[in-house]
Amino acid sequence: MAAYINAQGETNQVELNVGMYREAAERGQNLAQYLNAMHPTNVERDGTAFAQILESENIFLRPNRELGISPTKLSEILAPAIGAGTVVKDAVPTSRILFPAVIMQAVEDKLIANLTINANAFDSLIAIDESINGERYEHPVLNFDKPSVARHQGISQLAQPPSMLTITTSDKAYKIPTFALGLEVSDQALRNTTIDFVALSLARQFAVERNERAQNYILAILNGDVDNGEASLSSLGYFDTTTSFDAAATGGVITQKAWIKYLMKNGTKRVITHLITDVDTAMKIEGRTGKPTITQDDGTTHRFDTQFNVMNPTWAKNPQLFLTDNTSWPASTILGMDKSWAIRRVRNLSADFNGIESYVMRRSTQMRMDFGEHVNRFYNDAFGGMTVA
């Protein structure tokens, strides 16, 4: 039976079963986090419970020459020799139950940084990131039209004040799509392939897919999504042209006046903290006409001069820029947003349970790694776009 040393230095045994994956999901955790939380240890002295359990079942991800330990082969995990591993009450080797968690842990450790730049940048755009158990959820839609135009009024003595803040809600139901990545292991690969090699291969695939998914989410936020029941931001009136801010901003040129007016628009409702555009349009922003510059200036001298500071700026000093290389991104298009209430992501933590359960109980050489997530615009008023005329 799998074992670990607890925080008091006592050896405890853990009876593992495939249902722990569901229990972990219900807590918003993966199996490693679940085991570590349920079985606290002296991490500095003995390591985490999950790491100790792996060692107790002779599962090693990395070699240790001093101790003569080699990375564990897949065959030693998926098809251990009789008597080589613990068999749980489901008549399944413990190592087989641990395998999905081991693979995912190893993949997370190996995700290549330079392939996840876009995905990590997109993660920073998320205003609300939720996790649920199930594939359906409801989103309350708040109507602020009445309170946004209401103003205070004088009243007579003992009279009730007029209603200024009325919020009505209507629920929109969404279904979280499930994505899957399959892994099939041949008998020959079982004998010759280590976990480390499989994790490296999967990590690259995950990284590439995360980047592509992030780019597609960005495009759907701009153009709308039929499945979400969302129209494009331009059709909803959240886009302007440079000429609407400055008649001189024509011929693909952005002027300083157009740029500042764009950032200021609806500044009392939202502040554009993040921008999304392609590199060509970003260069137009950088090279805009009238952009303030300082040349041959000595700021240490005393002179007859004065500079003003805006007391009530309605724009961010340095908005963050997300560069998209999606070929479907429309040219000369800038999308701005107030990150604090622009994008919502909901993840289905139990999406992978069925695939894991099927793999473990059927003793299959095919494994399906599922995950479910849904991204949509949280509030349209958080967005504001501009096209370069």
Protein backbone atom coordinates (compact mmCIF):
# COMPACT_ATOMS: atom_id res chain seq x y z
CA MET A 1 0.00 0.00 0.00
CA ALA A 2 1.17 3.53 -0.76
CA ALA A 3 2.81 5.20 2.22
CA TYR A 4 4.24 8.50 3.43
CA ILE A 5 5.77 10.05 6.55
CA ASN A 6 3.47 12.58 8.17
CA ALA A 7 4.40 15.86 9.86
CA GLN A 8 4.95 14.04 13.19
CA GLY A 9 7.45 11.62 11.61
CA GLU A 10 5.05 8.67 11.63
CA THR A 11 4.65 6.34 8.65
CA ASN A 12 1.07 6.32 7.36
CA GLN A 13 -0.50 4.26 4.62
CA VAL A 14 -2.92 5.59 2.02
CA GLU A 15 -5.48 3.49 0.17
CA LEU A 16 -5.82 5.03 -3.26
CA ASN A 17 -8.79 4.70 -5.58
CA VAL A 18 -9.85 6.29 -8.85
CA GLY A 19 -12.68 8.15 -7.10
CA MET A 20 -10.08 10.44 -5.55
CA TYR A 21 -9.84 12.27 -8.87
CA ARG A 22 -13.49 13.27 -8.54
CA GLU A 23 -13.06 14.21 -4.89
CA ALA A 24 -10.09 16.39 -5.86
CA ALA A 25 -12.09 18.06 -8.63
CA GLU A 26 -14.91 18.85 -6.22
CA ARG A 27 -12.35 20.70 -4.09
CA GLY A 28 -10.93 22.53 -7.09
CA GLN A 29 -7.65 20.58 -6.94
CA ASN A 30 -5.70 18.05 -8.93
CA LEU A 31 -4.81 14.70 -7.36
CA ALA A 32 -1.37 15.84 -6.17
CA GLN A 33 -2.81 18.92 -4.45
CA TYR A 34 -5.60 16.84 -2.95
CA LEU A 35 -3.23 14.27 -1.46
CA ASN A 36 -0.89 16.96 -0.13
CA ALA A 37 -3.80 18.79 1.50
CA MET A 38 -5.33 15.65 3.01
CA HIS A 39 -1.99 14.32 4.28
CA PRO A 40 0.23 17.15 5.59
CA THR A 41 3.94 16.42 5.95
CA ASN A 42 7.15 18.12 6.93
CA VAL A 43 7.91 19.18 3.37
CA GLU A 44 11.44 20.43 4.03
CA ARG A 45 12.41 17.21 5.76
CA ASP A 46 10.49 14.51 3.89
CA GLY A 47 8.90 16.12 0.84
CA THR A 48 5.21 16.29 -0.03
CA ALA A 49 2.84 13.39 0.51
CA PHE A 50 2.39 12.99 -3.25
CA ALA A 51 6.15 12.79 -3.87
CA GLN A 52 6.56 10.25 -1.05
CA ILE A 53 3.69 8.13 -2.34
CA LEU A 54 5.30 7.99 -5.77
CA GLU A 55 8.57 6.81 -4.24
CA SER A 56 6.77 4.21 -2.13
CA GLU A 57 5.37 2.78 -5.38
CA ASN A 58 8.80 2.91 -7.08
CA ILE A 59 7.83 5.69 -9.45
CA PHE A 60 10.76 7.99 -10.22
CA LEU A 61 10.59 10.78 -12.79
CA ARG A 62 14.28 11.66 -12.72
CA PRO A 63 17.45 9.57 -12.38
CA ASN A 64 19.61 9.63 -9.28
CA ARG A 65 23.08 8.29 -10.03
CA GLU A 66 24.20 8.35 -6.40
CA LEU A 67 21.37 6.03 -5.39
CA GLY A 68 21.44 4.06 -8.63
CA ILE A 69 17.88 5.05 -9.55
CA SER A 70 16.80 5.15 -13.18
CA PRO A 71 13.67 6.90 -14.52
CA THR A 72 10.68 4.59 -14.32
CA LYS A 73 9.60 2.93 -17.58
CA LEU A 74 5.95 3.05 -18.60
CA SER A 75 5.72 -0.73 -18.38
CA GLU A 76 6.70 -0.61 -14.70
CA ILE A 77 3.72 1.68 -14.05
CA LEU A 78 1.04 0.47 -16.41
CA ALA A 79 1.83 -3.24 -16.32
CA PRO A 80 3.93 -3.96 -13.22
CA ALA A 81 5.20 -7.46 -12.61
CA ILE A 82 3.23 -9.59 -10.17
CA GLY A 83 4.16 -8.57 -6.64
CA ALA A 84 6.00 -5.45 -7.83
CA GLY A 85 3.26 -3.00 -6.90
CA THR A 86 0.32 -2.58 -4.59
CA VAL A 87 -3.11 -3.67 -5.82
CA VAL A 88 -6.02 -1.63 -4.48
CA LYS A 89 -9.57 -2.75 -3.80
CA ASP A 90 -10.51 -2.11 -7.45
CA ALA A 91 -8.03 -4.84 -8.43
CA VAL A 92 -5.92 -2.19 -10.15
CA PRO A 93 -2.23 -1.53 -9.43
CA THR A 94 -1.73 1.64 -7.41
CA SER A 95 0.82 2.84 -9.95
CA ARG A 96 -1.86 2.78 -12.64
CA ILE A 97 -4.13 5.02 -10.57
CA LEU A 98 -1.26 7.43 -10.03
CA PHE A 99 -0.17 7.50 -13.69
CA PRO A 100 -2.59 10.25 -14.93
CA ALA A 101 -1.60 12.50 -12.03
CA VAL A 102 2.10 11.78 -12.60
CA ILE A 103 1.83 12.63 -16.29
CA MET A 104 0.00 15.90 -15.69
CA GLN A 105 2.43 16.92 -12.94
CA ALA A 106 5.39 16.21 -15.20
CA VAL A 107 3.80 18.09 -18.10
CA GLU A 108 3.28 21.18 -15.94
CA ASP A 109 6.94 21.06 -14.92
CA LYS A 110 8.08 20.90 -18.53
CA LEU A 111 5.85 23.44 -20.25
CA ILE A 112 8.24 25.38 -22.44
CA ALA A 113 8.25 29.05 -21.47
CA ASN A 114 8.84 30.50 -24.93
CA LEU A 115 5.90 28.55 -26.32
CA THR A 116 3.46 29.75 -23.67
CA ILE A 117 4.06 33.49 -23.92
CA ASN A 118 0.74 34.20 -25.64
CA ALA A 119 -1.18 31.88 -23.32
CA ASN A 120 0.33 33.42 -20.20
CA ALA A 121 -0.34 36.94 -21.52
CA PHE A 122 -3.96 36.00 -22.21
CA ASP A 123 -4.29 34.63 -18.68
CA SER A 124 -3.34 38.08 -17.39
CA LEU A 125 -6.33 39.54 -19.27
CA ILE A 126 -8.86 37.40 -17.39
CA ALA A 127 -10.97 39.42 -14.98
CA ILE A 128 -12.92 36.54 -13.45
CA ASP A 129 -11.54 32.99 -13.45
CA GLU A 130 -13.94 30.43 -12.00
CA SER A 131 -13.99 26.68 -11.64
CA ILE A 132 -17.10 24.54 -11.40
CA ASN A 133 -18.04 20.87 -11.46
CA GLY A 134 -20.25 20.36 -14.49
CA GLU A 135 -20.53 21.45 -18.07
CA ARG A 136 -23.32 24.04 -17.71
CA TYR A 137 -23.51 27.32 -15.81
CA GLU A 138 -25.64 30.45 -15.79
CA HIS A 139 -24.39 34.01 -16.11
CA PRO A 140 -26.52 36.79 -14.58
CA VAL A 141 -26.84 39.73 -16.96
CA LEU A 142 -27.12 43.02 -15.09
CA ASN A 143 -28.96 45.96 -16.63
CA PHE A 144 -27.46 49.26 -15.51
CA ASP A 145 -29.28 51.46 -18.05
CA LYS A 146 -31.62 53.05 -15.52
CA PRO A 147 -29.10 53.80 -12.75
CA SER A 148 -26.56 55.15 -15.25
CA VAL A 149 -28.94 57.91 -16.41
CA ALA A 150 -30.67 58.55 -13.08
CA ARG A 151 -29.91 61.75 -11.18
CA HIS A 152 -30.70 62.86 -7.66
CA GLN A 153 -33.87 64.90 -7.20
CA GLY A 154 -35.24 67.19 -4.55
CA ILE A 155 -38.09 65.76 -2.46
CA SER A 156 -40.71 67.13 -0.09
CA GLN A 157 -40.74 66.28 3.60
CA LEU A 158 -41.40 62.61 4.45
CA ALA A 159 -41.64 61.70 0.76
CA GLN A 160 -39.93 58.57 -0.53
CA PRO A 161 -36.90 59.22 -2.74
CA PRO A 162 -37.13 58.25 -6.42
CA SER A 163 -35.67 54.91 -7.37
CA MET A 164 -32.22 55.58 -8.77
CA LEU A 165 -30.54 52.19 -8.57
CA THR A 166 -32.64 49.41 -10.02
CA ILE A 167 -30.85 46.28 -11.19
CA THR A 168 -32.70 43.58 -13.08
CA THR A 169 -31.16 40.26 -13.97
CA SER A 170 -31.79 37.60 -16.56
CA ASP A 171 -29.78 34.40 -16.63
CA LYS A 172 -27.95 33.25 -19.76
CA ALA A 173 -27.04 29.57 -19.80
CA TYR A 174 -23.70 28.48 -21.22
CA LYS A 175 -22.27 25.06 -21.94
CA ILE A 176 -18.58 24.50 -21.35
CA PRO A 177 -16.99 22.68 -24.30
CA THR A 178 -14.73 19.74 -23.53
CA PHE A 179 -11.41 19.35 -25.32
CA ALA A 180 -9.49 16.09 -25.45
CA LEU A 181 -5.95 14.98 -26.17
CA GLY A 182 -5.34 11.28 -26.70
CA LEU A 183 -2.30 9.20 -25.81
CA GLU A 184 -1.84 5.65 -27.07
CA VAL A 185 1.06 3.55 -25.86
CA SER A 186 2.23 0.53 -27.82
CA ASP A 187 3.63 -2.58 -26.11
CA GLN A 188 7.12 -1.78 -27.39
CA ALA A 189 6.91 1.78 -26.10
CA LEU A 190 5.86 0.51 -22.68
CA ARG A 191 9.17 -1.28 -22.31
CA ASN A 192 11.42 1.47 -23.66
CA THR A 193 9.79 4.83 -22.86
CA THR A 194 10.16 6.77 -19.63
CA ILE A 195 7.64 9.13 -18.07
CA ASP A 196 10.07 11.98 -18.58
CA PHE A 197 10.09 11.47 -22.35
CA VAL A 198 6.29 11.23 -22.59
CA ALA A 199 5.87 14.34 -20.44
CA LEU A 200 8.27 16.32 -22.65
CA SER A 201 6.33 15.37 -25.78
CA LEU A 202 2.96 16.18 -24.23
CA ALA A 203 4.24 19.44 -22.79
CA ARG A 204 5.16 20.70 -26.24
CA GLN A 205 1.75 19.74 -27.59
CA PHE A 206 -0.02 21.43 -24.69
CA ALA A 207 2.04 24.59 -25.12
CA VAL A 208 1.27 24.88 -28.82
CA GLU A 209 -2.43 24.29 -28.23
CA ARG A 210 -2.59 26.80 -25.36
CA ASN A 211 -1.13 29.49 -27.60
CA GLU A 212 -3.51 28.76 -30.45
CA ARG A 213 -6.48 28.67 -28.09
CA ALA A 214 -5.51 32.04 -26.59
CA GLN A 215 -5.33 33.63 -30.04
CA ASN A 216 -8.73 32.19 -30.97
CA TYR A 217 -10.30 33.46 -27.74
CA ILE A 218 -9.03 36.97 -28.51
CA LEU A 219 -10.54 36.84 -31.99
CA ALA A 220 -13.89 35.59 -30.64
CA ILE A 221 -13.99 38.43 -28.11
CA LEU A 222 -13.58 40.91 -30.97
CA ASN A 223 -15.85 39.31 -33.57
CA GLY A 224 -18.38 37.70 -31.23
CA ASP A 225 -19.30 34.05 -30.92
CA VAL A 226 -22.51 32.46 -32.20
CA ASP A 227 -22.29 29.70 -29.57
CA ASN A 228 -22.13 32.35 -26.84
CA GLY A 229 -24.92 34.38 -28.40
CA GLU A 230 -22.52 37.32 -28.70
CA ALA A 231 -22.41 39.74 -31.61
CA SER A 232 -19.27 41.55 -32.71
CA LEU A 233 -18.22 44.59 -30.71
CA SER A 234 -18.33 46.76 -33.83
CA SER A 235 -21.96 45.81 -34.56
CA LEU A 236 -22.85 46.71 -30.96
CA GLY A 237 -21.42 50.19 -31.35
CA TYR A 238 -18.21 49.77 -29.38
CA PHE A 239 -15.91 50.81 -32.24
CA ASP A 240 -14.92 54.22 -33.62
CA THR A 241 -12.61 55.38 -36.38
CA THR A 242 -9.61 57.65 -36.03
CA THR A 243 -11.37 60.31 -38.14
CA SER A 244 -14.25 60.43 -35.66
CA PHE A 245 -11.75 61.74 -33.13
CA ASP A 246 -9.62 63.84 -35.48
CA ALA A 247 -10.43 64.72 -39.09
CA ALA A 248 -6.69 64.85 -39.81
CA ALA A 249 -6.20 61.17 -38.85
CA THR A 250 -6.66 59.75 -42.37
CA GLY A 251 -4.63 57.71 -44.81
CA GLY A 252 -3.63 55.14 -42.20
CA VAL A 253 -2.17 57.78 -39.89
CA ILE A 254 -2.93 58.05 -36.18
CA THR A 255 -2.61 61.49 -34.61
CA GLN A 256 -1.91 62.31 -30.99
CA LYS A 257 -5.29 64.02 -30.76
CA ALA A 258 -7.14 60.93 -32.06
CA TRP A 259 -5.17 58.64 -29.75
CA ILE A 260 -5.83 60.61 -26.57
CA LYS A 261 -9.51 61.13 -27.41
CA TYR A 262 -9.85 57.39 -28.03
CA LEU A 263 -8.33 56.57 -24.65
CA MET A 264 -10.52 59.17 -22.95
CA LYS A 265 -13.84 58.07 -24.46
CA ASN A 266 -16.21 56.72 -21.79
CA GLY A 267 -13.43 57.29 -19.30
CA THR A 268 -15.95 57.80 -16.49
CA LYS A 269 -17.27 54.26 -17.08
CA ARG A 270 -14.08 52.38 -17.79
CA VAL A 271 -10.35 52.96 -18.19
CA ILE A 272 -8.55 51.20 -21.02
CA THR A 273 -5.85 49.23 -19.25
CA HIS A 274 -5.02 46.73 -22.01
CA LEU A 275 -4.80 46.94 -25.79
CA ILE A 276 -4.88 44.20 -28.42
CA THR A 277 -3.66 44.69 -31.99
CA ASP A 278 -1.22 43.36 -34.57
CA VAL A 279 2.35 44.54 -34.96
CA ASP A 280 1.66 46.74 -38.01
CA THR A 281 -1.01 48.71 -36.19
CA ALA A 282 1.13 48.88 -33.07
CA MET A 283 3.84 50.56 -35.15
CA LYS A 284 1.26 53.11 -36.32
CA ILE A 285 0.46 53.89 -32.70
CA GLU A 286 4.16 54.29 -31.93
CA GLY A 287 4.69 56.53 -34.97
CA ARG A 288 1.59 58.64 -34.52
CA THR A 289 1.69 62.26 -35.67
CA GLY A 290 2.19 64.80 -32.91
CA LYS A 291 3.49 62.29 -30.39
CA PRO A 292 5.27 64.24 -27.62
CA THR A 293 9.06 64.03 -27.77
CA ILE A 294 11.92 65.67 -25.89
CA THR A 295 15.02 66.73 -27.80
CA GLN A 296 17.95 68.84 -26.63
CA ASP A 297 16.31 69.56 -23.31
CA ASP A 298 18.12 70.36 -20.09
CA GLY A 299 15.67 69.77 -17.26
CA THR A 300 18.06 71.12 -14.63
CA THR A 301 17.97 74.75 -15.73
CA HIS A 302 15.72 77.49 -14.34
CA ARG A 303 13.66 79.07 -17.12
CA PHE A 304 10.43 80.83 -17.89
CA ASP A 305 8.34 77.73 -18.55
CA THR A 306 5.46 75.80 -17.05
CA GLN A 307 4.03 72.32 -17.53
CA PHE A 308 0.60 71.21 -16.40
CA ASN A 309 -0.41 67.90 -14.82
CA VAL A 310 -3.89 66.61 -15.56
CA MET A 311 -5.72 66.26 -12.26
CA ASN A 312 -8.42 63.91 -13.51
CA PRO A 313 -6.93 61.63 -16.18
CA THR A 314 -9.41 59.07 -17.51
CA TRP A 315 -6.77 56.98 -19.24
CA ALA A 316 -4.10 54.60 -18.03
CA LYS A 317 -0.59 56.00 -18.07
CA ASN A 318 0.94 52.93 -19.72
CA PRO A 319 -1.67 50.50 -21.12
CA GLN A 320 -0.46 46.92 -21.55
CA LEU A 321 -0.23 45.75 -25.18
CA PHE A 322 -1.08 42.23 -26.34
CA LEU A 323 0.36 41.62 -29.82
CA THR A 324 -1.61 39.10 -31.84
CA ASP A 325 -0.15 37.28 -34.83
CA ASN A 326 -3.46 35.66 -35.77
CA THR A 327 -3.78 36.01 -39.54
CA SER A 328 -7.54 36.46 -39.12
CA TRP A 329 -7.14 39.59 -37.02
CA PRO A 330 -8.49 42.52 -39.10
CA ALA A 331 -5.89 45.03 -40.24
CA SER A 332 -5.69 48.48 -38.62
CA THR A 333 -7.86 47.36 -35.71
CA ILE A 334 -7.21 48.26 -32.08
CA LEU A 335 -9.21 46.68 -29.26
CA GLY A 336 -9.02 48.26 -25.83
CA MET A 337 -10.47 46.96 -22.59
CA ASP A 338 -10.74 47.57 -18.90
CA LYS A 339 -9.22 44.36 -17.62
CA SER A 340 -11.06 44.46 -14.29
CA TRP A 341 -14.42 43.54 -15.84
CA ALA A 342 -13.85 42.54 -19.46
CA ILE A 343 -13.32 38.77 -19.77
CA ARG A 344 -14.64 35.80 -17.85
CA ARG A 345 -13.35 32.23 -17.94
CA VAL A 346 -15.11 29.22 -16.42
CA ARG A 347 -13.44 25.85 -16.18
CA ASN A 348 -15.04 22.45 -15.69
CA LEU A 349 -12.82 20.68 -13.18
CA SER A 350 -14.59 17.34 -13.54
CA ALA A 351 -14.23 17.17 -17.32
CA ASP A 352 -11.24 14.85 -17.15
CA PHE A 353 -12.66 12.37 -14.64
CA ASN A 354 -14.49 10.15 -17.12
CA GLY A 355 -11.43 9.78 -19.32
CA ILE A 356 -9.22 8.92 -16.34
CA GLU A 357 -11.74 6.46 -14.89
CA SER A 358 -12.12 4.69 -18.23
CA TYR A 359 -8.36 4.40 -18.63
CA VAL A 360 -7.70 3.07 -15.12
CA MET A 361 -10.57 0.60 -14.80
CA ARG A 362 -10.35 -0.86 -18.32
CA ARG A 363 -6.59 -1.21 -18.08
CA SER A 364 -6.35 0.38 -21.49
CA THR A 365 -3.15 1.40 -23.27
CA GLN A 366 -5.05 4.44 -24.52
CA MET A 367 -5.47 7.46 -22.29
CA ARG A 368 -7.70 10.48 -22.92
CA MET A 369 -6.87 13.74 -21.20
CA ASP A 370 -9.94 15.98 -21.14
CA PHE A 371 -10.37 19.54 -19.99
CA GLY A 372 -13.22 21.98 -20.30
CA GLU A 373 -13.17 25.76 -20.33
CA HIS A 374 -15.36 28.55 -21.62
CA VAL A 375 -14.35 32.17 -22.28
CA ASN A 376 -16.70 35.03 -23.03
CA ARG A 377 -17.04 38.78 -22.66
CA PHE A 378 -18.10 39.64 -19.12
CA TYR A 379 -19.41 43.18 -19.74
CA ASN A 380 -19.40 44.80 -23.17
CA ASP A 381 -19.05 48.26 -21.64
CA ALA A 382 -15.53 47.30 -20.59
CA PHE A 383 -14.44 47.36 -24.25
CA GLY A 384 -13.69 50.13 -26.70
CA GLY A 385 -12.14 49.73 -30.14
CA MET A 386 -10.78 51.93 -32.90
CA THR A 387 -10.04 51.33 -36.57
CA VAL A 388 -7.41 53.33 -38.39
CA ALA A 389 -9.02 55.13 -41.34
